[in-house]
N, C-alpha and C. Protein backbone atom coordinates (compact mmCIF):
# COMPACT_ATOMS: atom_id res chain seq x y z
N MET A 1 27.39 -44.78 -88.63
CA MET A 1 28.65 -44.53 -90.34
C MET A 1 27.40 -43.66 -90.67
N SER A 2 27.25 -42.45 -91.57
CA SER A 2 26.22 -41.65 -92.23
C SER A 2 27.08 -42.31 -94.23
N ILE A 3 26.36 -42.77 -95.01
CA ILE A 3 26.28 -42.77 -96.09
C ILE A 3 25.21 -41.48 -96.80
N ALA A 4 26.01 -40.95 -98.02
CA ALA A 4 25.42 -40.35 -98.57
C ALA A 4 24.45 -40.92 -99.60
N VAL A 5 23.20 -40.40 -99.96
CA VAL A 5 22.43 -40.74 -100.75
C VAL A 5 22.42 -39.68 -102.11
N PRO A 6 22.45 -40.14 -103.02
CA PRO A 6 22.51 -39.43 -104.18
C PRO A 6 20.96 -38.85 -104.71
N ALA A 7 20.71 -37.35 -105.10
CA ALA A 7 19.64 -36.91 -104.48
C ALA A 7 18.32 -38.18 -105.95
N THR A 8 19.30 -38.64 -107.12
CA THR A 8 18.36 -39.45 -107.53
C THR A 8 18.73 -40.50 -107.69
N LEU A 9 17.47 -41.30 -106.62
CA LEU A 9 17.72 -42.89 -106.71
C LEU A 9 16.93 -43.80 -107.72
N PRO A 10 17.61 -45.40 -107.58
CA PRO A 10 17.48 -45.74 -108.47
C PRO A 10 15.90 -46.08 -108.42
N SER A 11 15.80 -46.43 -109.88
CA SER A 11 14.12 -46.99 -110.25
C SER A 11 14.40 -48.27 -109.86
N VAL A 12 13.97 -48.97 -108.49
CA VAL A 12 14.21 -50.47 -108.17
C VAL A 12 13.02 -50.78 -107.64
N GLU A 13 12.10 -51.84 -107.94
CA GLU A 13 11.23 -52.58 -107.26
C GLU A 13 12.07 -53.23 -106.11
N PHE A 14 11.20 -53.15 -104.80
CA PHE A 14 10.97 -54.25 -104.13
C PHE A 14 10.55 -55.19 -104.08
N ILE A 15 10.90 -56.15 -103.30
CA ILE A 15 10.53 -57.69 -103.40
C ILE A 15 9.70 -57.83 -102.58
N SER A 16 8.91 -58.93 -102.61
CA SER A 16 8.05 -59.36 -101.88
C SER A 16 8.26 -60.52 -101.55
N VAL A 17 8.89 -60.92 -100.10
CA VAL A 17 9.26 -62.21 -99.86
C VAL A 17 8.35 -62.82 -98.42
N GLY A 18 7.07 -63.63 -98.40
CA GLY A 18 6.16 -63.32 -97.51
C GLY A 18 6.09 -62.05 -97.79
N SER A 19 5.46 -61.54 -96.19
CA SER A 19 4.88 -60.27 -95.79
C SER A 19 6.25 -59.42 -95.49
N LEU A 20 7.63 -59.86 -96.08
CA LEU A 20 8.71 -58.84 -95.65
C LEU A 20 8.67 -58.02 -97.36
N MET A 21 9.66 -57.09 -97.16
CA MET A 21 9.96 -56.60 -98.26
C MET A 21 11.88 -56.34 -98.43
N SER A 22 12.26 -56.92 -99.08
CA SER A 22 13.57 -57.01 -99.41
C SER A 22 13.99 -55.07 -100.28
N ASN A 23 14.87 -54.77 -99.33
CA ASN A 23 15.86 -53.06 -99.82
C ASN A 23 17.18 -53.23 -100.49
N PRO A 24 17.08 -52.96 -101.64
CA PRO A 24 17.73 -53.77 -102.95
C PRO A 24 20.14 -53.21 -101.76
N PHE A 25 19.74 -52.13 -101.09
CA PHE A 25 20.36 -51.21 -100.27
C PHE A 25 20.60 -52.23 -99.68
N GLU A 26 20.62 -53.04 -98.63
CA GLU A 26 20.77 -53.70 -97.89
C GLU A 26 21.09 -55.48 -97.70
N ASP A 27 20.83 -55.51 -98.99
CA ASP A 27 21.28 -56.55 -98.90
C ASP A 27 22.04 -57.41 -98.98
N PRO A 28 22.27 -58.12 -98.20
CA PRO A 28 24.00 -59.12 -97.76
C PRO A 28 24.22 -59.79 -98.54
N ASP A 29 23.75 -60.30 -99.76
CA ASP A 29 24.30 -61.00 -100.77
C ASP A 29 24.22 -60.30 -102.23
N GLY A 30 24.31 -58.78 -102.04
CA GLY A 30 23.65 -57.97 -103.31
C GLY A 30 25.48 -57.76 -103.57
N THR A 31 25.20 -57.20 -104.74
CA THR A 31 26.50 -56.76 -105.65
C THR A 31 26.73 -55.01 -105.37
N TYR A 32 27.79 -55.04 -104.77
CA TYR A 32 27.23 -53.10 -104.49
C TYR A 32 28.87 -52.26 -105.49
N LEU A 33 28.51 -51.12 -105.71
CA LEU A 33 29.25 -50.06 -105.98
C LEU A 33 29.81 -49.32 -104.75
N VAL A 34 31.09 -48.32 -104.99
CA VAL A 34 30.51 -47.53 -104.20
C VAL A 34 31.38 -46.42 -105.09
N LEU A 35 30.26 -45.31 -104.77
CA LEU A 35 30.39 -44.18 -105.64
C LEU A 35 31.34 -42.77 -104.28
N ILE A 36 31.73 -41.86 -105.50
CA ILE A 36 31.74 -40.35 -104.58
C ILE A 36 30.92 -39.56 -105.46
N ASN A 37 31.56 -38.07 -104.67
CA ASN A 37 30.53 -37.01 -105.69
C ASN A 37 31.48 -35.90 -105.29
N GLU A 38 31.13 -34.74 -106.12
CA GLU A 38 32.03 -33.99 -106.03
C GLU A 38 32.70 -33.21 -104.56
N GLU A 39 31.59 -33.62 -104.18
CA GLU A 39 31.65 -33.00 -102.08
C GLU A 39 32.59 -33.96 -101.49
N GLY A 40 32.85 -34.86 -102.06
CA GLY A 40 33.99 -36.06 -101.21
C GLY A 40 32.77 -37.20 -100.66
N GLN A 41 31.47 -36.70 -100.76
CA GLN A 41 30.89 -37.65 -99.77
C GLN A 41 30.38 -39.18 -100.39
N TYR A 42 30.69 -40.03 -99.93
CA TYR A 42 30.82 -42.06 -100.27
C TYR A 42 29.28 -42.65 -100.76
N SER A 43 28.67 -43.19 -101.00
CA SER A 43 27.29 -43.58 -100.88
C SER A 43 27.66 -45.38 -102.19
N LEU A 44 26.71 -45.98 -100.80
CA LEU A 44 26.88 -47.13 -100.83
C LEU A 44 25.80 -47.36 -102.44
N TRP A 45 25.77 -48.40 -103.28
CA TRP A 45 24.94 -48.21 -104.81
C TRP A 45 25.38 -49.87 -105.24
N PRO A 46 23.69 -50.32 -105.47
CA PRO A 46 23.61 -51.71 -106.16
C PRO A 46 24.10 -51.48 -107.56
N ALA A 47 25.11 -52.26 -107.80
CA ALA A 47 25.78 -52.79 -108.72
C ALA A 47 24.76 -52.56 -109.91
N PHE A 48 23.58 -53.29 -110.11
CA PHE A 48 22.39 -53.45 -110.84
C PHE A 48 21.87 -52.20 -111.44
N ALA A 49 21.82 -50.92 -110.62
CA ALA A 49 21.36 -49.38 -111.27
C ALA A 49 22.28 -48.43 -111.31
N ASP A 50 21.61 -47.82 -112.48
CA ASP A 50 22.38 -46.56 -113.19
C ASP A 50 22.90 -45.79 -112.32
N VAL A 51 24.46 -45.69 -112.32
CA VAL A 51 24.81 -44.41 -111.57
C VAL A 51 24.67 -43.13 -111.79
N PRO A 52 24.01 -42.27 -111.00
CA PRO A 52 23.62 -40.99 -111.28
C PRO A 52 24.69 -39.87 -111.29
N ALA A 53 23.54 -39.44 -112.42
CA ALA A 53 24.75 -37.79 -112.76
C ALA A 53 25.85 -37.10 -111.43
N GLY A 54 26.78 -36.68 -111.92
CA GLY A 54 27.30 -35.97 -110.27
C GLY A 54 28.27 -37.08 -109.53
N TRP A 55 28.17 -38.05 -109.67
CA TRP A 55 28.00 -39.89 -109.11
C TRP A 55 29.48 -40.26 -109.66
N ALA A 56 30.51 -41.24 -109.14
CA ALA A 56 31.77 -41.40 -109.83
C ALA A 56 32.13 -42.66 -109.56
N VAL A 57 32.35 -43.77 -110.24
CA VAL A 57 32.53 -45.10 -109.28
C VAL A 57 33.55 -45.32 -108.86
N VAL A 58 33.93 -45.57 -106.98
CA VAL A 58 35.22 -45.92 -106.97
C VAL A 58 36.06 -47.19 -106.47
N VAL A 59 34.96 -47.63 -106.20
CA VAL A 59 34.99 -49.09 -106.22
C VAL A 59 34.40 -49.87 -107.22
N THR A 60 34.79 -50.92 -108.28
CA THR A 60 33.55 -51.74 -109.14
C THR A 60 32.82 -52.72 -107.87
N GLU A 61 32.09 -53.40 -108.89
CA GLU A 61 30.99 -54.25 -108.32
C GLU A 61 32.12 -55.67 -107.49
N THR A 62 31.68 -55.39 -106.10
CA THR A 62 32.14 -56.61 -105.03
C THR A 62 30.90 -56.59 -104.09
N ASN A 63 31.04 -57.18 -103.19
CA ASN A 63 29.98 -57.38 -102.00
C ASN A 63 30.28 -56.30 -101.36
N ARG A 64 28.89 -56.34 -100.11
CA ARG A 64 28.46 -55.19 -99.23
C ARG A 64 29.56 -55.03 -98.34
N GLN A 65 29.71 -55.84 -97.43
CA GLN A 65 30.88 -55.72 -96.56
C GLN A 65 32.36 -54.80 -96.94
N THR A 66 33.14 -55.49 -98.09
CA THR A 66 33.84 -55.06 -98.61
C THR A 66 33.92 -53.43 -99.09
N CYS A 67 32.57 -52.93 -99.63
CA CYS A 67 32.43 -51.53 -99.74
C CYS A 67 32.22 -50.68 -98.69
N LEU A 68 31.40 -51.29 -97.75
CA LEU A 68 31.38 -50.28 -96.29
C LEU A 68 32.55 -50.49 -95.72
N ASP A 69 33.34 -51.38 -95.75
CA ASP A 69 34.78 -51.11 -95.51
C ASP A 69 35.92 -50.14 -96.14
N TYR A 70 35.99 -50.15 -97.29
CA TYR A 70 36.24 -48.82 -97.69
C TYR A 70 35.92 -47.75 -97.42
N ILE A 71 33.99 -47.76 -97.22
CA ILE A 71 34.16 -46.34 -97.54
C ILE A 71 34.48 -45.85 -95.67
N GLU A 72 34.08 -46.50 -95.17
CA GLU A 72 34.84 -46.19 -93.28
C GLU A 72 36.25 -46.46 -93.18
N GLU A 73 36.86 -47.04 -94.70
CA GLU A 73 38.25 -46.33 -93.92
C GLU A 73 38.89 -44.79 -94.74
N LYS A 74 37.90 -44.36 -96.01
CA LYS A 74 38.25 -43.72 -96.98
C LYS A 74 37.74 -41.82 -96.38
N TRP A 75 36.29 -42.64 -95.37
CA TRP A 75 35.46 -41.78 -95.55
C TRP A 75 35.41 -41.12 -93.86
N THR A 76 36.61 -40.32 -93.78
CA THR A 76 36.71 -39.70 -92.41
C THR A 76 36.39 -38.76 -91.93
N ASP A 77 36.21 -37.97 -92.40
CA ASP A 77 36.06 -36.15 -92.48
C ASP A 77 34.51 -36.28 -92.71
N MET A 78 33.20 -36.16 -92.14
CA MET A 78 32.19 -36.37 -92.72
C MET A 78 31.70 -34.79 -93.96
N ARG A 79 32.50 -33.82 -93.46
CA ARG A 79 32.12 -32.87 -94.39
C ARG A 79 32.48 -32.43 -95.18
N PRO A 80 31.83 -32.09 -96.08
CA PRO A 80 31.40 -31.92 -97.66
C PRO A 80 32.96 -30.58 -98.10
N LEU A 81 33.19 -31.08 -99.02
CA LEU A 81 34.36 -30.70 -99.29
C LEU A 81 34.44 -28.83 -99.71
N SER A 82 33.45 -28.58 -100.11
CA SER A 82 32.58 -27.02 -99.88
C SER A 82 33.24 -26.35 -98.54
N LEU A 83 32.36 -27.08 -97.87
CA LEU A 83 32.65 -26.34 -96.40
C LEU A 83 34.05 -26.83 -95.88
N VAL A 84 35.04 -27.72 -96.10
CA VAL A 84 36.15 -27.22 -95.67
C VAL A 84 36.99 -26.56 -96.43
N ARG A 85 37.29 -26.42 -97.63
CA ARG A 85 37.28 -24.91 -98.28
C ARG A 85 37.33 -23.98 -97.80
N GLN A 86 35.66 -23.61 -97.70
CA GLN A 86 35.29 -22.67 -96.91
C GLN A 86 35.91 -22.11 -95.45
N MET A 87 36.12 -23.66 -94.81
CA MET A 87 36.88 -22.97 -93.27
C MET A 87 38.14 -23.02 -93.59
N GLY A 88 39.25 -23.07 -94.72
CA GLY A 88 40.09 -22.72 -94.84
C GLY A 88 41.28 -23.72 -94.38
N GLU A 89 40.30 -24.97 -94.93
CA GLU A 89 41.11 -26.54 -94.28
C GLU A 89 41.69 -27.43 -94.95
N ALA A 90 42.40 -27.96 -94.62
CA ALA A 90 43.36 -29.09 -95.79
C ALA A 90 42.61 -30.41 -95.54
N ARG A 91 42.21 -31.32 -96.03
CA ARG A 91 41.44 -32.84 -95.96
C ARG A 91 42.69 -33.56 -95.60
């Protein structure tokens, strides 16, 4: 599954655990949001980070798996809305 990444990533610090680094986008115990942009693209987003311009929250704070399940259910056409419109198709 592809997940869009907003152009402006949050200012986050990676936490060093021994010799490993923890990525806040892949923390199974983290709290997340689901964002959507004008092109109908979705993004998994850490709840602690500010929502970037051009993105709106469609799922409020919840666990990572719930967000991923929502994205998988809703984002069935990976094409940006502008392309769908250009091709004259309905989504």
